[in-house]
N, C-alpha and C. Protein backbone atom coordinates (compact mmCIF):
# COMPACT_ATOMS: atom_id res chain seq x y z
N MET A 1 72.05 36.92 31.44
CA MET A 1 71.26 36.70 32.63
C MET A 1 69.80 36.99 32.28
N GLN A 2 68.95 35.99 32.47
CA GLN A 2 67.53 36.15 32.19
C GLN A 2 66.76 36.11 33.50
N TRP A 3 65.91 37.10 33.71
CA TRP A 3 65.11 37.19 34.92
C TRP A 3 63.72 36.65 34.65
N LEU A 4 63.22 35.80 35.55
CA LEU A 4 61.91 35.17 35.40
C LEU A 4 60.99 35.55 36.55
N THR A 5 59.71 35.78 36.24
CA THR A 5 58.72 36.02 37.28
C THR A 5 58.35 34.68 37.92
N TYR A 6 57.52 34.73 38.96
CA TYR A 6 57.08 33.48 39.59
C TYR A 6 56.47 32.54 38.56
N ARG A 7 55.56 33.06 37.76
CA ARG A 7 54.86 32.21 36.78
C ARG A 7 55.83 31.66 35.74
N GLU A 8 56.72 32.49 35.22
CA GLU A 8 57.70 32.03 34.24
C GLU A 8 58.65 31.00 34.84
N ALA A 9 59.07 31.24 36.08
CA ALA A 9 59.98 30.31 36.76
C ALA A 9 59.30 28.96 36.98
N ALA A 10 58.05 28.99 37.40
CA ALA A 10 57.31 27.74 37.63
C ALA A 10 57.16 26.97 36.33
N ARG A 11 56.87 27.66 35.26
CA ARG A 11 56.73 27.00 33.95
C ARG A 11 58.07 26.42 33.51
N ARG A 12 59.17 27.12 33.79
CA ARG A 12 60.50 26.68 33.36
C ARG A 12 60.90 25.37 34.01
N VAL A 13 60.55 25.18 35.29
CA VAL A 13 60.94 23.95 35.99
C VAL A 13 59.76 22.99 36.16
N ARG A 14 58.65 23.29 35.49
CA ARG A 14 57.45 22.43 35.51
C ARG A 14 56.95 22.16 36.93
N ARG A 15 56.85 23.24 37.69
CA ARG A 15 56.34 23.17 39.05
C ARG A 15 55.24 24.20 39.23
N ASP A 16 54.52 24.12 40.32
CA ASP A 16 53.48 25.08 40.63
C ASP A 16 54.11 26.38 41.12
N VAL A 17 53.41 27.48 40.92
CA VAL A 17 53.90 28.79 41.37
C VAL A 17 54.16 28.76 42.87
N ARG A 18 53.30 28.07 43.62
CA ARG A 18 53.49 27.99 45.07
C ARG A 18 54.80 27.31 45.45
N THR A 19 55.24 26.38 44.64
CA THR A 19 56.53 25.73 44.91
C THR A 19 57.66 26.75 44.81
N VAL A 20 57.64 27.58 43.78
CA VAL A 20 58.68 28.61 43.63
C VAL A 20 58.60 29.59 44.79
N GLN A 21 57.39 29.91 45.23
CA GLN A 21 57.23 30.80 46.38
C GLN A 21 57.81 30.17 47.65
N ARG A 22 57.61 28.86 47.82
CA ARG A 22 58.20 28.16 48.98
C ARG A 22 59.72 28.18 48.91
N TRP A 23 60.27 28.00 47.71
CA TRP A 23 61.72 28.04 47.56
C TRP A 23 62.25 29.41 47.95
N ARG A 24 61.54 30.48 47.58
CA ARG A 24 61.96 31.83 47.96
C ARG A 24 61.93 31.96 49.47
N ALA A 25 60.87 31.47 50.11
CA ALA A 25 60.76 31.53 51.57
C ALA A 25 61.87 30.71 52.24
N ALA A 26 62.35 29.67 51.55
CA ALA A 26 63.42 28.83 52.09
C ALA A 26 64.81 29.40 51.83
N GLY A 27 64.88 30.51 51.08
CA GLY A 27 66.17 31.16 50.90
C GLY A 27 66.65 31.37 49.48
N MET A 28 65.87 30.96 48.48
CA MET A 28 66.31 31.19 47.11
C MET A 28 66.35 32.70 46.84
N PRO A 29 67.48 33.22 46.38
CA PRO A 29 67.59 34.67 46.17
C PRO A 29 66.74 35.16 45.01
N MET A 30 65.96 36.18 45.28
CA MET A 30 65.12 36.82 44.26
C MET A 30 65.25 38.33 44.41
N ARG A 31 64.83 39.05 43.39
CA ARG A 31 64.89 40.52 43.40
C ARG A 31 63.55 41.08 42.98
N TRP A 32 63.43 42.38 43.12
CA TRP A 32 62.26 43.10 42.64
C TRP A 32 62.59 43.75 41.31
N ARG A 33 61.68 43.65 40.34
CA ARG A 33 61.83 44.34 39.06
C ARG A 33 60.44 44.80 38.61
N ASP A 34 60.27 46.09 38.48
CA ASP A 34 58.99 46.66 38.04
C ASP A 34 57.83 46.17 38.89
N GLY A 35 58.04 46.08 40.19
CA GLY A 35 56.97 45.68 41.10
C GLY A 35 56.71 44.18 41.16
N GLU A 36 57.54 43.37 40.54
CA GLU A 36 57.37 41.92 40.56
C GLU A 36 58.63 41.27 41.12
N ARG A 37 58.44 40.16 41.80
CA ARG A 37 59.59 39.36 42.23
C ARG A 37 60.11 38.61 41.02
N VAL A 38 61.42 38.61 40.86
CA VAL A 38 62.04 37.88 39.75
C VAL A 38 63.25 37.10 40.28
N VAL A 39 63.57 36.03 39.56
CA VAL A 39 64.71 35.20 39.91
C VAL A 39 65.56 35.00 38.66
N ASP A 40 66.85 34.98 38.84
CA ASP A 40 67.77 34.70 37.75
C ASP A 40 67.58 33.23 37.34
N GLU A 41 67.51 32.98 36.04
CA GLU A 41 67.25 31.63 35.56
C GLU A 41 68.32 30.64 36.03
N GLU A 42 69.57 31.05 36.05
CA GLU A 42 70.65 30.16 36.50
C GLU A 42 70.48 29.78 37.97
N VAL A 43 70.09 30.75 38.79
CA VAL A 43 69.85 30.48 40.21
C VAL A 43 68.68 29.52 40.36
N LEU A 44 67.61 29.76 39.61
CA LEU A 44 66.43 28.89 39.66
C LEU A 44 66.80 27.46 39.31
N LEU A 45 67.53 27.28 38.22
CA LEU A 45 67.89 25.93 37.79
C LEU A 45 68.81 25.23 38.78
N ALA A 46 69.74 25.97 39.36
CA ALA A 46 70.62 25.38 40.38
C ALA A 46 69.81 24.95 41.59
N TRP A 47 68.87 25.79 42.01
CA TRP A 47 68.01 25.48 43.16
C TRP A 47 67.17 24.25 42.85
N TRP A 48 66.61 24.19 41.65
CA TRP A 48 65.77 23.07 41.23
C TRP A 48 66.58 21.77 41.20
N ARG A 49 67.80 21.81 40.66
CA ARG A 49 68.64 20.60 40.61
C ARG A 49 68.97 20.10 42.02
N ASP A 50 69.26 21.03 42.93
CA ASP A 50 69.53 20.62 44.31
C ASP A 50 68.33 19.92 44.92
N ARG A 51 67.16 20.45 44.68
CA ARG A 51 65.95 19.83 45.22
C ARG A 51 65.68 18.49 44.56
N LEU A 52 65.91 18.40 43.27
CA LEU A 52 65.69 17.17 42.54
C LEU A 52 66.65 16.08 43.01
N ASP A 53 67.91 16.45 43.24
CA ASP A 53 68.90 15.47 43.71
C ASP A 53 68.55 14.93 45.09
N ALA A 54 67.87 15.72 45.90
CA ALA A 54 67.52 15.30 47.26
C ALA A 54 66.19 14.55 47.30
N TRP A 55 65.48 14.46 46.20
CA TRP A 55 64.16 13.84 46.16
C TRP A 55 64.31 12.32 46.06
N PRO A 56 63.81 11.54 47.02
CA PRO A 56 64.01 10.09 47.02
C PRO A 56 63.50 9.38 45.76
N ALA A 57 62.37 9.81 45.23
CA ALA A 57 61.84 9.15 44.03
C ALA A 57 62.77 9.35 42.84
N HIS A 58 63.38 10.51 42.75
CA HIS A 58 64.32 10.77 41.66
C HIS A 58 65.56 9.90 41.81
N GLN A 59 66.06 9.76 43.03
CA GLN A 59 67.22 8.91 43.28
C GLN A 59 66.92 7.46 42.89
N TYR A 60 65.73 6.99 43.22
CA TYR A 60 65.33 5.63 42.87
C TYR A 60 65.32 5.45 41.35
N ARG A 61 64.74 6.43 40.64
CA ARG A 61 64.68 6.34 39.18
C ARG A 61 66.08 6.35 38.56
N LEU A 62 66.98 7.15 39.11
CA LEU A 62 68.36 7.17 38.60
C LEU A 62 69.03 5.82 38.79
N ARG A 63 68.90 5.24 40.00
CA ARG A 63 69.52 3.94 40.25
C ARG A 63 68.92 2.87 39.35
N ARG A 64 67.61 2.90 39.17
CA ARG A 64 66.94 1.92 38.33
C ARG A 64 67.40 2.03 36.88
N SER A 65 67.51 3.26 36.37
CA SER A 65 67.94 3.43 34.98
C SER A 65 69.40 3.04 34.79
N GLN A 66 70.24 3.29 35.80
CA GLN A 66 71.65 2.90 35.70
C GLN A 66 71.80 1.39 35.70
N SER A 67 71.02 0.71 36.51
CA SER A 67 71.13 -0.75 36.54
C SER A 67 70.57 -1.36 35.26
N ALA A 68 69.58 -0.73 34.66
CA ALA A 68 69.00 -1.24 33.42
C ALA A 68 69.96 -1.07 32.25
N THR A 69 70.75 -0.01 32.27
CA THR A 69 71.69 0.24 31.17
C THR A 69 73.03 -0.43 31.41
N GLY A 70 73.26 -0.92 32.64
CA GLY A 70 74.53 -1.57 32.95
C GLY A 70 75.69 -0.61 32.99
N SER A 71 75.48 0.53 33.61
CA SER A 71 76.53 1.55 33.67
C SER A 71 77.71 1.04 34.48
N ALA A 72 78.85 1.67 34.29
CA ALA A 72 80.08 1.26 34.97
C ALA A 72 79.94 1.39 36.48
N ALA A 73 79.22 2.38 36.95
CA ALA A 73 79.06 2.58 38.39
C ALA A 73 78.31 1.41 39.02
N SER A 74 77.33 0.88 38.32
CA SER A 74 76.57 -0.22 38.91
C SER A 74 77.34 -1.53 38.82
N ARG A 75 78.29 -1.66 37.88
CA ARG A 75 79.06 -2.89 37.75
C ARG A 75 80.14 -3.03 38.81
N THR A 76 80.57 -1.92 39.40
CA THR A 76 81.66 -1.99 40.37
C THR A 76 81.18 -2.44 41.74
N ARG A 77 79.90 -2.52 41.94
CA ARG A 77 79.36 -2.91 43.25
C ARG A 77 79.31 -4.38 43.45
């Protein structure tokens, strides 16, 4: 289990520190360690994937790449 500060967490998911702070305000579990807020890396990545999956631009890119590669999912439609 690796604990990340706001800055380390933001760098890990390539987002702004304020984004990680918003995620905490929205319910992402964090703890205090040596006077700093920290988040478990696994929790951060799970939270980030959930947000990414719900992002319309990401969904569009996934569909576009699947149709370009001719994946089995796109052929069944």
